[in-house]
Amino acid sequence: MNSLPPWRRGVGSGMASTCTFSAQVLSIGIFFSLMIVGLSSQLPATLFHGLTAHGVSRQVASRIAHLPPVSSLFATFLGYNPVKQLLGRHLASLPAAQVRILTGHTFFPHLITKPFSSALSAAFLFALIVCALSAAASLLRGGRYRWGEHEPAAEVAAGEALAAGVPALD
């Protein structure tokens, strides 16, 4: 804010806030997009192997494994196991012990841990790269500048008079 004339600091503050809030919204979209892309690469195979290891038919497991990972991502954030909804009527064909495991509190969290961790690492790596680029851009901007330090006194007085609504004397 020190690089702006005093009568323009309100506008500068508004622009800085607009940029900050816009970047926050954009970063949420990028974060979730990276999480979904990361989950898409590992979750299908992990889900397929986890379900077939507990007696789910290969056909049903393949169909479930190839569903979009969005529901799995939000189930993870909300802390619930979506396997019961995903398997639906197919649960009736499984032994009761396997149903308890599949719909229990530990199966889904353990199943999604590696794909989720990988996707989260990709999102944080992207954030680290963007921060490094921003730091480099900040270093390239030059030295510190304060408005009025390097301008002749007459220009400063004219700018202040203009801001106050007083005509400048030439």
Foldseek 3Di string as FASTA:
>chain_A
DQQDQPLCVVVVVVVVVVVVVVVVVVLVVVLVVLLQVLCLVPQLVLQLVLVVVLPQDNVLSNVLSPDRCPVVVVCVVVQAQCQCVSCPPVLVVGDPVSSCLNRDNPSSCVSCVVSNVRSNVRSVVVVVVVVVVVVVVVVPPDDDDGPPPPDPPLVSVCVVCVSVVHHRDD
